[in-house]
Amino acid sequence: MEPTTNATRLLTQRQLAEMLGVTPRSLERWRETGDGPPFLRVGGLVRYTPADVSGWLETRRRTSTSTPAEAA
């Protein structure tokens, strides 16, 4: 495992919520349902890697409101 550098700095739940414009509770619900970005548990704390968040966001990309999530 590579050490964390500034380029791969782990995001806190609060930082990610602010970045996405959602509440921390939304992230908690997404973790419970498996709908959110992949996360890490570090000593009981939830953290996110920027690469995982970027990858998850790409899976959310749509070209039409009628495009089902599975087909994208």
PDB file of N, CA and C in Angstrom:
ATOM      1  N   MET A   1       0.848  -1.187   0.000  1.00  0.00           N
ATOM      2  CA  MET A   1       0.000   0.000   0.000  1.00  0.00           C
ATOM      3  C   MET A   1       0.883   1.237   0.000  1.00  0.00           C
ATOM      4  N   GLU A   2       0.560   2.171  -0.859  1.00  0.00           N
ATOM      5  CA  GLU A   2       1.344   3.395  -0.950  1.00  0.00           C
ATOM      6  C   GLU A   2       0.984   4.340   0.178  1.00  0.00           C
ATOM      7  N   PRO A   3       1.964   5.086   0.698  1.00  0.00           N
ATOM      8  CA  PRO A   3       1.645   6.065   1.741  1.00  0.00           C
ATOM      9  C   PRO A   3       0.777   7.184   1.194  1.00  0.00           C
ATOM     10  N   THR A   4      -0.029   7.759   2.049  1.00  0.00           N
ATOM     11  CA  THR A   4      -0.885   8.871   1.645  1.00  0.00           C
ATOM     12  C   THR A   4      -0.045  10.127   1.466  1.00  0.00           C
ATOM     13  N   THR A   5      -0.204  10.765   0.320  1.00  0.00           N
ATOM     14  CA  THR A   5       0.473  12.028   0.050  1.00  0.00           C
ATOM     15  C   THR A   5      -0.588  13.106  -0.052  1.00  0.00           C
ATOM     16  N   ASN A   6      -0.160  14.338  -0.229  1.00  0.00           N
ATOM     17  CA  ASN A   6      -1.126  15.421  -0.397  1.00  0.00           C
ATOM     18  C   ASN A   6      -2.031  15.167  -1.592  1.00  0.00           C
ATOM     19  N   ALA A   7      -1.494  14.515  -2.646  1.00  0.00           N
ATOM     20  CA  ALA A   7      -2.290  14.245  -3.842  1.00  0.00           C
ATOM     21  C   ALA A   7      -3.368  13.199  -3.574  1.00  0.00           C
ATOM     22  N   THR A   8      -3.140  12.326  -2.600  1.00  0.00           N
ATOM     23  CA  THR A   8      -4.116  11.281  -2.282  1.00  0.00           C
ATOM     24  C   THR A   8      -4.662  11.450  -0.865  1.00  0.00           C
ATOM     25  N   ARG A   9      -4.724  12.651  -0.424  1.00  0.00           N
ATOM     26  CA  ARG A   9      -5.203  12.946   0.925  1.00  0.00           C
ATOM     27  C   ARG A   9      -6.613  12.398   1.119  1.00  0.00           C
ATOM     28  N   LEU A  10      -6.847  11.777   2.238  1.00  0.00           N
ATOM     29  CA  LEU A  10      -8.155  11.217   2.537  1.00  0.00           C
ATOM     30  C   LEU A  10      -9.121  12.313   2.946  1.00  0.00           C
ATOM     31  N   LEU A  11     -10.357  12.186   2.477  1.00  0.00           N
ATOM     32  CA  LEU A  11     -11.391  13.161   2.792  1.00  0.00           C
ATOM     33  C   LEU A  11     -12.233  12.673   3.965  1.00  0.00           C
ATOM     34  N   THR A  12     -12.607  13.588   4.825  1.00  0.00           N
ATOM     35  CA  THR A  12     -13.529  13.254   5.897  1.00  0.00           C
ATOM     36  C   THR A  12     -14.952  13.283   5.360  1.00  0.00           C
ATOM     37  N   GLN A  13     -15.858  12.740   6.141  1.00  0.00           N
ATOM     38  CA  GLN A  13     -17.275  12.776   5.751  1.00  0.00           C
ATOM     39  C   GLN A  13     -17.741  14.214   5.573  1.00  0.00           C
ATOM     40  N   ARG A  14     -17.362  15.063   6.471  1.00  0.00           N
ATOM     41  CA  ARG A  14     -17.778  16.469   6.393  1.00  0.00           C
ATOM     42  C   ARG A  14     -17.214  17.147   5.142  1.00  0.00           C
ATOM     43  N   GLN A  15     -15.950  16.896   4.836  1.00  0.00           N
ATOM     44  CA  GLN A  15     -15.340  17.490   3.646  1.00  0.00           C
ATOM     45  C   GLN A  15     -16.036  17.025   2.379  1.00  0.00           C
ATOM     46  N   LEU A  16     -16.318  15.720   2.301  1.00  0.00           N
ATOM     47  CA  LEU A  16     -16.975  15.208   1.109  1.00  0.00           C
ATOM     48  C   LEU A  16     -18.402  15.726   0.999  1.00  0.00           C
ATOM     49  N   ALA A  17     -19.110  15.772   2.112  1.00  0.00           N
ATOM     50  CA  ALA A  17     -20.478  16.290   2.085  1.00  0.00           C
ATOM     51  C   ALA A  17     -20.488  17.723   1.572  1.00  0.00           C
ATOM     52  N   GLU A  18     -19.567  18.526   2.051  1.00  0.00           N
ATOM     53  CA  GLU A  18     -19.477  19.920   1.611  1.00  0.00           C
ATOM     54  C   GLU A  18     -19.151  19.993   0.116  1.00  0.00           C
ATOM     55  N   MET A  19     -18.233  19.152  -0.323  1.00  0.00           N
ATOM     56  CA  MET A  19     -17.822  19.137  -1.726  1.00  0.00           C
ATOM     57  C   MET A  19     -18.991  18.753  -2.636  1.00  0.00           C
ATOM     58  N   LEU A  20     -19.818  17.798  -2.197  1.00  0.00           N
ATOM     59  CA  LEU A  20     -20.944  17.328  -3.006  1.00  0.00           C
ATOM     60  C   LEU A  20     -22.206  18.151  -2.807  1.00  0.00           C
ATOM     61  N   GLY A  21     -22.217  19.006  -1.789  1.00  0.00           N
ATOM     62  CA  GLY A  21     -23.402  19.817  -1.513  1.00  0.00           C
ATOM     63  C   GLY A  21     -24.532  19.011  -0.895  1.00  0.00           C
ATOM     64  N   VAL A  22     -24.164  17.995  -0.112  1.00  0.00           N
ATOM     65  CA  VAL A  22     -25.155  17.179   0.593  1.00  0.00           C
ATOM     66  C   VAL A  22     -24.846  17.215   2.088  1.00  0.00           C
ATOM     67  N   THR A  23     -25.724  16.667   2.881  1.00  0.00           N
ATOM     68  CA  THR A  23     -25.471  16.625   4.318  1.00  0.00           C
ATOM     69  C   THR A  23     -24.633  15.395   4.664  1.00  0.00           C
ATOM     70  N   PRO A  24     -23.904  15.458   5.771  1.00  0.00           N
ATOM     71  CA  PRO A  24     -23.196  14.260   6.227  1.00  0.00           C
ATOM     72  C   PRO A  24     -24.150  13.083   6.440  1.00  0.00           C
ATOM     73  N   ARG A  25     -25.378  13.363   6.851  1.00  0.00           N
ATOM     74  CA  ARG A  25     -26.363  12.299   7.041  1.00  0.00           C
ATOM     75  C   ARG A  25     -26.680  11.600   5.724  1.00  0.00           C
ATOM     76  N   SER A  26     -26.685  12.322   4.616  1.00  0.00           N
ATOM     77  CA  SER A  26     -26.896  11.688   3.311  1.00  0.00           C
ATOM     78  C   SER A  26     -25.800  10.663   3.036  1.00  0.00           C
ATOM     79  N   LEU A  27     -24.562  11.026   3.322  1.00  0.00           N
ATOM     80  CA  LEU A  27     -23.454  10.088   3.134  1.00  0.00           C
ATOM     81  C   LEU A  27     -23.626   8.861   4.026  1.00  0.00           C
ATOM     82  N   GLU A  28     -24.082   9.069   5.246  1.00  0.00           N
ATOM     83  CA  GLU A  28     -24.323   7.941   6.156  1.00  0.00           C
ATOM     84  C   GLU A  28     -25.380   7.002   5.578  1.00  0.00           C
ATOM     85  N   ARG A  29     -26.467   7.576   5.083  1.00  0.00           N
ATOM     86  CA  ARG A  29     -27.528   6.748   4.477  1.00  0.00           C
ATOM     87  C   ARG A  29     -26.999   6.002   3.257  1.00  0.00           C
ATOM     88  N   TRP A  30     -26.219   6.673   2.425  1.00  0.00           N
ATOM     89  CA  TRP A  30     -25.667   6.039   1.235  1.00  0.00           C
ATOM     90  C   TRP A  30     -24.739   4.884   1.615  1.00  0.00           C
ATOM     91  N   ARG A  31     -23.981   5.042   2.700  1.00  0.00           N
ATOM     92  CA  ARG A  31     -23.124   3.941   3.146  1.00  0.00           C
ATOM     93  C   ARG A  31     -23.975   2.759   3.599  1.00  0.00           C
ATOM     94  N   GLU A  32     -25.061   3.046   4.296  1.00  0.00           N
ATOM     95  CA  GLU A  32     -25.944   1.977   4.782  1.00  0.00           C
ATOM     96  C   GLU A  32     -26.581   1.209   3.633  1.00  0.00           C
ATOM     97  N   THR A  33     -26.939   1.900   2.558  1.00  0.00           N
ATOM     98  CA  THR A  33     -27.624   1.273   1.430  1.00  0.00           C
ATOM     99  C   THR A  33     -26.664   0.820   0.332  1.00  0.00           C
ATOM    100  N   GLY A  34     -25.403   1.235   0.419  1.00  0.00           N
ATOM    101  CA  GLY A  34     -24.431   0.883  -0.607  1.00  0.00           C
ATOM    102  C   GLY A  34     -24.518   1.751  -1.844  1.00  0.00           C
ATOM    103  N   ASP A  35     -25.214   2.892  -1.754  1.00  0.00           N
ATOM    104  CA  ASP A  35     -25.396   3.771  -2.906  1.00  0.00           C
ATOM    105  C   ASP A  35     -24.311   4.836  -3.048  1.00  0.00           C
ATOM    106  N   GLY A  36     -23.505   5.030  -2.038  1.00  0.00           N
ATOM    107  CA  GLY A  36     -22.520   6.102  -2.056  1.00  0.00           C
ATOM    108  C   GLY A  36     -21.168   5.655  -2.567  1.00  0.00           C
ATOM    109  N   PRO A  37     -20.207   6.565  -2.507  1.00  0.00           N
ATOM    110  CA  PRO A  37     -18.858   6.235  -2.964  1.00  0.00           C
ATOM    111  C   PRO A  37     -18.201   5.231  -2.011  1.00  0.00           C
ATOM    112  N   PRO A  38     -17.242   4.449  -2.522  1.00  0.00           N
ATOM    113  CA  PRO A  38     -16.502   3.541  -1.652  1.00  0.00           C
ATOM    114  C   PRO A  38     -15.835   4.334  -0.532  1.00  0.00           C
ATOM    115  N   PHE A  39     -15.716   3.721   0.623  1.00  0.00           N
ATOM    116  CA  PHE A  39     -15.124   4.403   1.768  1.00  0.00           C
ATOM    117  C   PHE A  39     -14.177   3.478   2.504  1.00  0.00           C
ATOM    118  N   LEU A  40     -13.372   4.077   3.346  1.00  0.00           N
ATOM    119  CA  LEU A  40     -12.427   3.344   4.189  1.00  0.00           C
ATOM    120  C   LEU A  40     -12.806   3.567   5.644  1.00  0.00           C
ATOM    121  N   ARG A  41     -12.516   2.588   6.470  1.00  0.00           N
ATOM    122  CA  ARG A  41     -12.625   2.764   7.916  1.00  0.00           C
ATOM    123  C   ARG A  41     -11.190   2.791   8.434  1.00  0.00           C
ATOM    124  N   VAL A  42     -10.829   3.878   9.068  1.00  0.00           N
ATOM    125  CA  VAL A  42      -9.491   4.039   9.612  1.00  0.00           C
ATOM    126  C   VAL A  42      -9.644   4.290  11.106  1.00  0.00           C
ATOM    127  N   GLY A  43      -9.367   3.275  11.893  1.00  0.00           N
ATOM    128  CA  GLY A  43      -9.514   3.415  13.339  1.00  0.00           C
ATOM    129  C   GLY A  43     -10.928   3.804  13.739  1.00  0.00           C
ATOM    130  N   GLY A  44     -11.920   3.288  13.036  1.00  0.00           N
ATOM    131  CA  GLY A  44     -13.308   3.607  13.340  1.00  0.00           C
ATOM    132  C   GLY A  44     -13.821   4.860  12.668  1.00  0.00           C
ATOM    133  N   LEU A  45     -12.945   5.612  12.001  1.00  0.00           N
ATOM    134  CA  LEU A  45     -13.341   6.825  11.296  1.00  0.00           C
ATOM    135  C   LEU A  45     -13.584   6.511   9.832  1.00  0.00           C
ATOM    136  N   VAL A  46     -14.558   7.156   9.243  1.00  0.00           N
ATOM    137  CA  VAL A  46     -14.859   6.973   7.826  1.00  0.00           C
ATOM    138  C   VAL A  46     -14.061   7.984   7.021  1.00  0.00           C
ATOM    139  N   ARG A  47     -13.385   7.488   5.982  1.00  0.00           N
ATOM    140  CA  ARG A  47     -12.605   8.347   5.100  1.00  0.00           C
ATOM    141  C   ARG A  47     -12.844   7.931   3.652  1.00  0.00           C
ATOM    142  N   TYR A  48     -12.627   8.879   2.741  1.00  0.00           N
ATOM    143  CA  TYR A  48     -12.830   8.662   1.315  1.00  0.00           C
ATOM    144  C   TYR A  48     -11.568   9.058   0.570  1.00  0.00           C
ATOM    145  N   THR A  49     -11.207   8.282  -0.462  1.00  0.00           N
ATOM    146  CA  THR A  49     -10.090   8.693  -1.308  1.00  0.00           C
ATOM    147  C   THR A  49     -10.644   9.508  -2.468  1.00  0.00           C
ATOM    148  N   PRO A  50      -9.935  10.538  -2.887  1.00  0.00           N
ATOM    149  CA  PRO A  50     -10.382  11.320  -4.041  1.00  0.00           C
ATOM    150  C   PRO A  50     -10.592  10.453  -5.283  1.00  0.00           C
ATOM    151  N   ALA A  51      -9.744   9.450  -5.493  1.00  0.00           N
ATOM    152  CA  ALA A  51      -9.883   8.583  -6.668  1.00  0.00           C
ATOM    153  C   ALA A  51     -11.185   7.793  -6.608  1.00  0.00           C
ATOM    154  N   ASP A  52     -11.540   7.273  -5.432  1.00  0.00           N
ATOM    155  CA  ASP A  52     -12.793   6.532  -5.295  1.00  0.00           C
ATOM    156  C   ASP A  52     -13.995   7.437  -5.523  1.00  0.00           C
ATOM    157  N   VAL A  53     -13.924   8.657  -5.005  1.00  0.00           N
ATOM    158  CA  VAL A  53     -15.028   9.606  -5.189  1.00  0.00           C
ATOM    159  C   VAL A  53     -15.174   9.949  -6.673  1.00  0.00           C
ATOM    160  N   SER A  54     -14.059  10.198  -7.357  1.00  0.00           N
ATOM    161  CA  SER A  54     -14.103  10.514  -8.784  1.00  0.00           C
ATOM    162  C   SER A  54     -14.700   9.361  -9.580  1.00  0.00           C
ATOM    163  N   GLY A  55     -14.278   8.151  -9.263  1.00  0.00           N
ATOM    164  CA  GLY A  55     -14.813   6.985  -9.955  1.00  0.00           C
ATOM    165  C   GLY A  55     -16.306   6.822  -9.727  1.00  0.00           C
ATOM    166  N   TRP A  56     -16.742   7.022  -8.505  1.00  0.00           N
ATOM    167  CA  TRP A  56     -18.160   6.923  -8.171  1.00  0.00           C
ATOM    168  C   TRP A  56     -18.957   8.002  -8.907  1.00  0.00           C
ATOM    169  N   LEU A  57     -18.425   9.215  -8.948  1.00  0.00           N
ATOM    170  CA  LEU A  57     -19.111  10.292  -9.664  1.00  0.00           C
ATOM    171  C   LEU A  57     -19.263   9.960 -11.139  1.00  0.00           C
ATOM    172  N   GLU A  58     -18.264   9.337 -11.729  1.00  0.00           N
ATOM    173  CA  GLU A  58     -18.345   8.956 -13.144  1.00  0.00           C
ATOM    174  C   GLU A  58     -19.496   7.980 -13.373  1.00  0.00           C
ATOM    175  N   THR A  59     -19.757   7.115 -12.412  1.00  0.00           N
ATOM    176  CA  THR A  59     -20.853   6.161 -12.566  1.00  0.00           C
ATOM    177  C   THR A  59     -22.209   6.849 -12.479  1.00  0.00           C
ATOM    178  N   ARG A  60     -22.236   8.071 -11.990  1.00  0.00           N
ATOM    179  CA  ARG A  60     -23.481   8.822 -11.857  1.00  0.00           C
ATOM    180  C   ARG A  60     -23.775   9.660 -13.093  1.00  0.00           C
ATOM    181  N   ARG A  61     -22.840   9.734 -14.029  1.00  0.00           N
ATOM    182  CA  ARG A  61     -22.974  10.587 -15.222  1.00  0.00           C
ATOM    183  C   ARG A  61     -24.109  10.078 -16.115  1.00  0.00           C
ATOM    184  N   ARG A  62     -24.936  10.999 -16.566  1.00  0.00           N
ATOM    185  CA  ARG A  62     -26.052  10.677 -17.451  1.00  0.00           C
ATOM    186  C   ARG A  62     -26.085  11.678 -18.604  1.00  0.00           C
ATOM    187  N   THR A  63     -26.637  11.246 -19.718  1.00  0.00           N
ATOM    188  CA  THR A  63     -26.804  12.148 -20.860  1.00  0.00           C
ATOM    189  C   THR A  63     -28.264  12.510 -21.068  1.00  0.00           C
ATOM    190  N   SER A  64     -29.141  11.838 -20.337  1.00  0.00           N
ATOM    191  CA  SER A  64     -30.574  12.083 -20.475  1.00  0.00           C
ATOM    192  C   SER A  64     -31.261  11.717 -19.161  1.00  0.00           C
ATOM    193  N   THR A  65     -32.328  12.417 -18.847  1.00  0.00           N
ATOM    194  CA  THR A  65     -33.070  12.087 -17.637  1.00  0.00           C
ATOM    195  C   THR A  65     -33.815  10.767 -17.776  1.00  0.00           C
ATOM    196  N   SER A  66     -33.956  10.287 -19.005  1.00  0.00           N
ATOM    197  CA  SER A  66     -34.654   9.019 -19.216  1.00  0.00           C
ATOM    198  C   SER A  66     -33.707   7.825 -19.292  1.00  0.00           C
ATOM    199  N   THR A  67     -32.387   8.074 -19.171  1.00  0.00           N
ATOM    200  CA  THR A  67     -31.423   6.983 -19.205  1.00  0.00           C
ATOM    201  C   THR A  67     -31.420   6.287 -17.844  1.00  0.00           C
ATOM    202  N   PRO A  68     -31.746   4.985 -17.810  1.00  0.00           N
ATOM    203  CA  PRO A  68     -31.704   4.280 -16.532  1.00  0.00           C
ATOM    204  C   PRO A  68     -30.269   4.142 -16.031  1.00  0.00           C
ATOM    205  N   ALA A  69     -30.104   4.088 -14.733  1.00  0.00           N
ATOM    206  CA  ALA A  69     -28.763   4.003 -14.134  1.00  0.00           C
ATOM    207  C   ALA A  69     -28.003   2.798 -14.625  1.00  0.00           C
ATOM    208  N   GLU A  70     -28.669   1.666 -14.816  1.00  0.00           N
ATOM    209  CA  GLU A  70     -28.000   0.435 -15.229  1.00  0.00           C
ATOM    210  C   GLU A  70     -27.455   0.516 -16.650  1.00  0.00           C
ATOM    211  N   ALA A  71     -28.085   1.335 -17.496  1.00  0.00           N
ATOM    212  CA  ALA A  71     -27.696   1.410 -18.902  1.00  0.00           C
ATOM    213  C   ALA A  71     -26.567   2.408 -19.146  1.00  0.00           C
ATOM    214  N   ALA A  72     -26.287   3.235 -18.183  1.00  0.00           N
ATOM    215  CA  ALA A  72     -25.293   4.292 -18.381  1.00  0.00           C
ATOM    216  C   ALA A  72     -23.890   3.750 -18.366  1.00  0.00           C
TER     217      ALA A  72
END
